[in-house]
Protein backbone atom coordinates (compact mmCIF):
# COMPACT_ATOMS: atom_id res chain seq x y z
CA MET A 1 131.36 -95.58 55.11
CA LYS A 2 131.58 -94.24 51.92
CA GLU A 3 128.19 -95.04 50.12
CA LEU A 4 126.88 -92.62 52.82
CA LYS A 5 130.10 -90.10 52.61
CA LYS A 6 128.76 -89.85 48.79
CA HIS A 7 124.66 -89.77 50.14
CA LEU A 8 125.76 -86.37 51.97
CA TYR A 9 127.79 -85.11 49.18
CA THR A 10 125.20 -85.38 46.80
CA ILE A 11 122.62 -83.64 49.22
CA PHE A 12 124.56 -81.40 49.91
CA GLU A 13 126.76 -80.33 46.84
CA HIS A 14 124.36 -81.93 44.17
CA PRO A 15 120.75 -81.85 45.35
CA THR A 16 118.80 -81.53 41.98
CA SER A 17 120.39 -85.46 41.86
CA HIS A 18 119.73 -86.78 44.70
CA SER A 19 116.03 -87.86 45.93
CA TYR A 20 116.30 -86.15 49.03
CA GLY A 21 117.95 -82.79 47.99
CA ILE A 22 115.44 -80.37 47.56
CA PHE A 23 113.68 -81.78 50.66
CA VAL A 24 117.06 -81.60 52.77
CA HIS A 25 117.49 -78.04 51.28
CA ALA A 26 114.30 -76.37 51.75
CA LEU A 27 114.37 -77.61 55.81
CA ILE A 28 118.18 -75.93 55.47
CA PHE A 29 116.62 -72.44 53.94
CA LEU A 30 113.36 -73.22 56.49
CA ASN A 31 115.85 -73.16 59.65
CA ILE A 32 117.85 -70.53 58.17
CA ILE A 33 114.63 -68.19 58.63
CA VAL A 34 112.65 -69.37 61.52
CA SER A 35 116.89 -68.03 62.98
CA ILE A 36 116.75 -64.69 61.23
CA VAL A 37 112.89 -64.10 62.38
CA ILE A 38 114.10 -65.18 65.87
CA MET A 39 116.53 -63.08 65.95
CA PHE A 40 114.31 -60.09 65.27
CA LEU A 41 111.74 -61.04 67.66
CA GLN A 42 114.29 -61.75 70.63
CA THR A 43 114.74 -57.50 70.69
CA GLU A 44 111.11 -56.77 70.93
CA LYS A 45 110.10 -56.30 74.80
CA SER A 46 106.69 -56.18 74.25
CA LEU A 47 107.97 -60.50 73.29
CA ALA A 48 109.38 -60.66 76.60
CA SER A 49 106.70 -63.41 77.50
CA TYR A 50 108.39 -65.10 75.34
CA TYR A 51 112.16 -64.92 74.57
CA ASP A 52 112.47 -68.78 76.67
CA LEU A 53 110.62 -69.92 73.99
CA PHE A 54 112.97 -67.74 71.56
CA ASP A 55 115.72 -69.18 72.82
CA THR A 56 114.60 -72.68 72.93
CA ILE A 57 114.34 -72.46 69.21
CA ASN A 58 117.55 -70.31 68.66
CA THR A 59 119.20 -73.67 70.54
CA ILE A 60 117.42 -75.68 67.79
CA ASN A 61 118.10 -74.00 65.02
CA VAL A 62 121.80 -73.88 65.56
CA ILE A 63 122.06 -77.29 66.64
CA LEU A 64 120.92 -78.36 63.13
CA PHE A 65 122.61 -75.61 61.91
CA THR A 66 126.11 -77.45 63.76
CA PHE A 67 124.68 -81.06 61.96
CA GLU A 68 124.98 -79.42 58.91
CA TYR A 69 128.16 -77.89 59.02
CA ILE A 70 129.76 -81.15 60.56
CA LEU A 71 127.62 -83.34 57.54
CA ARG A 72 129.20 -81.05 54.95
CA LEU A 73 132.89 -81.09 55.89
CA TYR A 74 132.73 -84.58 56.53
CA SER A 75 131.59 -85.85 52.64
CA ILE A 76 133.49 -83.00 50.94
CA ASN A 77 136.44 -84.69 50.57
CA TYR A 78 133.89 -88.06 48.65
CA TYR A 79 135.73 -87.21 45.48
CA HIS A 80 139.25 -84.99 46.69
CA GLU A 81 140.83 -86.71 49.54
CA LYS A 82 143.18 -83.82 51.11
CA GLY A 83 140.07 -80.88 50.64
CA ARG A 84 138.73 -80.29 53.74
CA LEU A 85 140.95 -77.80 54.71
CA LYS A 86 140.47 -76.02 51.75
CA PHE A 87 136.81 -76.15 52.51
CA ILE A 88 136.97 -74.64 55.60
CA PHE A 89 137.94 -71.68 54.54
CA THR A 90 135.18 -71.00 51.77
CA PRO A 91 132.18 -68.29 52.61
CA PHE A 92 129.70 -70.36 53.19
CA MET A 93 131.76 -72.02 55.66
CA ILE A 94 133.33 -69.41 56.91
CA ILE A 95 129.67 -67.69 57.50
CA ASP A 96 128.23 -71.49 58.62
CA LEU A 97 130.87 -70.94 61.58
CA ILE A 98 129.99 -67.88 62.30
CA VAL A 99 126.70 -68.60 62.46
CA ILE A 100 127.26 -71.17 65.80
CA LEU A 101 130.72 -70.25 66.89
CA PRO A 102 128.93 -67.56 69.31
CA PHE A 103 126.44 -69.79 71.08
CA TYR A 104 128.70 -72.44 71.47
CA LEU A 105 131.74 -69.75 73.14
CA SER A 106 128.23 -68.45 75.35
CA MET A 107 129.28 -72.04 77.40
CA PHE A 108 132.01 -70.24 78.65
CA ASN A 109 130.70 -66.67 79.52
CA PHE A 110 132.43 -65.06 76.84
CA ASP A 111 130.12 -61.84 75.53
CA LEU A 112 129.89 -61.24 71.65
CA GLY A 113 127.41 -59.97 70.86
CA PHE A 114 128.53 -58.54 67.38
CA LEU A 115 128.94 -62.11 66.45
CA ARG A 116 125.72 -62.91 67.54
CA ALA A 117 124.30 -60.15 65.08
CA LEU A 118 126.67 -61.07 62.09
CA ARG A 119 123.86 -64.80 62.56
CA ILE A 120 121.96 -61.75 59.62
CA ILE A 121 124.95 -62.91 57.05
CA ARG A 122 123.22 -66.38 56.76
CA ILE A 123 121.00 -65.52 55.01
CA PHE A 124 123.27 -64.95 51.43
CA LYS A 125 122.90 -69.40 52.13
CA LEU A 126 120.20 -68.95 50.25
CA PHE A 127 121.70 -68.67 47.12
CA ARG A 128 122.79 -72.43 47.28
CA VAL A 129 119.22 -72.34 45.89
CA VAL A 130 119.64 -74.70 42.81
CA LYS A 131 117.89 -71.76 40.90
CA TYR A 132 119.99 -69.05 42.27
CA ALA A 133 123.37 -71.12 41.90
CA GLU A 134 123.49 -70.22 37.95
CA PHE A 135 122.64 -66.41 38.91
CA ASP A 136 125.40 -67.14 41.77
CA ASN A 137 128.62 -68.33 39.63
CA LEU A 138 127.78 -65.33 36.93
CA LEU A 139 128.00 -62.61 40.21
CA PHE A 140 131.49 -64.08 40.50
CA SER A 141 132.48 -64.69 37.22
CA ILE A 142 131.91 -60.91 36.76
CA LEU A 143 134.37 -59.58 39.45
CA ARG A 144 136.89 -62.22 37.74
CA GLU A 145 137.08 -60.91 34.35
CA LYS A 146 135.97 -57.16 35.57
CA LYS A 147 138.31 -56.94 38.38
CA GLU A 148 140.94 -54.45 36.83
CA GLU A 149 138.55 -51.47 36.34
CA PHE A 150 136.99 -52.38 40.08
CA ILE A 151 140.47 -51.84 41.48
CA PHE A 152 141.48 -48.77 39.28
CA ILE A 153 138.26 -47.48 40.41
CA PHE A 154 138.38 -47.53 43.89
CA VAL A 155 142.59 -46.85 43.74
CA GLY A 156 140.83 -43.64 41.59
CA LEU A 157 138.60 -42.82 44.35
CA SER A 158 140.84 -43.46 47.58
CA VAL A 159 143.39 -41.60 46.14
CA VAL A 160 140.88 -38.23 45.30
CA VAL A 161 139.41 -39.35 49.60
CA LEU A 162 143.44 -39.05 50.46
CA THR A 163 143.71 -35.95 49.00
CA LEU A 164 140.71 -34.04 50.16
CA THR A 165 140.59 -34.92 54.03
CA PRO A 166 144.16 -33.03 55.21
CA ILE A 167 143.10 -29.73 53.10
CA VAL A 168 139.95 -29.27 54.76
CA TYR A 169 141.06 -30.67 57.94
CA TYR A 170 144.03 -27.40 57.84
CA PHE A 171 140.95 -25.29 56.91
CA GLU A 172 138.49 -26.53 59.57
CA LYS A 173 140.43 -27.34 62.16
CA ASP A 174 141.00 -24.22 63.60
CA ALA A 175 137.81 -22.45 62.28
CA GLN A 176 136.00 -25.69 64.04
CA PRO A 177 138.20 -27.62 65.83
CA GLU A 178 135.25 -29.67 68.04
CA VAL A 179 133.99 -30.52 64.56
CA PHE A 180 137.06 -31.17 62.30
CA THR A 181 139.20 -32.35 65.06
CA SER A 182 141.26 -35.08 63.32
CA MET A 183 142.62 -36.29 60.26
CA LEU A 184 140.49 -39.48 60.77
CA THR A 185 137.40 -37.64 61.98
CA THR A 186 137.45 -34.83 58.55
CA MET A 187 137.46 -38.66 56.39
CA TRP A 188 134.19 -39.72 57.57
CA TRP A 189 132.72 -36.70 56.51
CA ALA A 190 134.69 -37.09 52.69
CA VAL A 191 133.35 -40.65 52.61
CA ILE A 192 130.17 -39.29 53.36
CA THR A 193 130.23 -36.50 51.07
CA PHE A 194 131.47 -38.07 48.19
CA THR A 195 129.32 -40.63 48.06
CA THR A 196 126.58 -38.02 48.25
CA VAL A 197 124.75 -39.21 51.46
CA GLY A 198 125.88 -36.07 53.56
CA TYR A 199 124.76 -35.80 57.23
CA GLY A 200 124.92 -33.05 57.70
CA ASP A 201 126.91 -34.07 61.23
CA MET A 202 130.00 -32.41 59.88
CA PHE A 203 130.04 -29.75 56.93
CA PRO A 204 132.73 -27.43 56.05
CA VAL A 205 132.15 -23.00 57.04
CA THR A 206 135.23 -21.77 55.46
CA ALA A 207 134.69 -21.03 52.25
CA VAL A 208 137.61 -22.91 50.56
CA GLY A 209 136.03 -26.12 52.33
CA ARG A 210 133.15 -24.69 50.62
CA ILE A 211 134.52 -25.32 47.52
CA LEU A 212 136.02 -28.93 47.62
CA THR A 213 132.82 -29.79 49.77
CA ALA A 214 131.14 -29.02 45.80
CA ILE A 215 133.66 -30.19 44.18
CA VAL A 216 133.57 -33.73 45.94
CA SER A 217 129.92 -34.24 45.77
CA PHE A 218 130.29 -32.85 41.70
CA LEU A 219 133.05 -36.21 41.35
CA GLY A 220 130.92 -38.06 43.84
CA ILE A 221 127.95 -38.16 41.74
CA ALA A 222 129.64 -38.21 38.69
CA LEU A 223 131.92 -41.47 39.47
CA TYR A 224 130.22 -43.11 41.91
CA ALA A 225 127.65 -44.33 39.23
CA ILE A 226 131.06 -46.07 37.17
CA PRO A 227 131.37 -48.94 39.32
CA GLY A 228 127.20 -49.92 39.48
CA SER A 229 127.20 -48.50 35.37
CA ILE A 230 130.40 -51.73 34.32
CA PHE A 231 128.72 -53.81 36.22
CA THR A 232 125.02 -53.59 34.81
CA SER A 233 126.59 -54.02 31.46
CA ALA A 234 128.84 -56.87 31.97
CA LEU A 235 125.90 -58.25 33.55
CA LEU A 236 123.32 -58.18 30.88
CA GLU A 237 126.32 -59.30 28.89
CA LYS A 238 126.97 -61.92 29.59
CA MET A 239 122.45 -63.26 29.74
CA ASN A 240 122.51 -62.28 26.89
CA ASP A 241 124.72 -65.04 25.99
CA ARG A 242 123.27 -67.43 27.53
CA LYS A 243 120.38 -66.83 26.48
CA LYS A 244 121.92 -67.32 22.72
CA LYS A 245 123.44 -70.74 23.67
CA LYS A 246 120.45 -71.91 25.40
CA ARG A 247 118.65 -70.88 21.80
CA GLU A 248 121.30 -72.45 19.53
CA LYS A 249 120.83 -75.69 21.61
């Protein structure tokens, strides 16, 4: 049994080190793609005659995902006897559980349509592909190193939104009581305006409201790109460092 656990652990966690690792991962990723395609096709009314076939394929997908989940959980403590519980709460395992759970809950007449829609998150499992593993680690290392900058920007933007929301609300609630009905709905306007999306479903008509809208729009253009520039510069820096290390080797 320990030898089986060793093989499973190597296949799932270090696929290039096992003769069947790449093959098993290729099947897993094929199952992911098929599952996502079927999820889209099941909403196409012109294909209603194939719904039973889609349900059968989806059932097979879920069964395969379930086996993968169980085998990963079984083999993960090959090196760490007490690591299984911690492993359950890792992001990818939570995603796996969200993907398979609605299928089994539906057997008990639980209507969890919003969870079924989350099956699309399964696409993130593609980051387990070996050639993307390096980028995956790179991404998390950037988030760890730059977390103070991202937190500061998030807090700063939140303060701006929370400050402008009540001001605009009190100026607009009398002019447009059916639009700016509460501070929560006004916060929706502030977020959409700040991110420069501007759906047009809400817009101030008073002079003060329009001035504040212009300020929020300019701030959005100026500040919205900051997190992206921080991430891009950090990513380029790390990629250059890795290239230098490879040249040195």
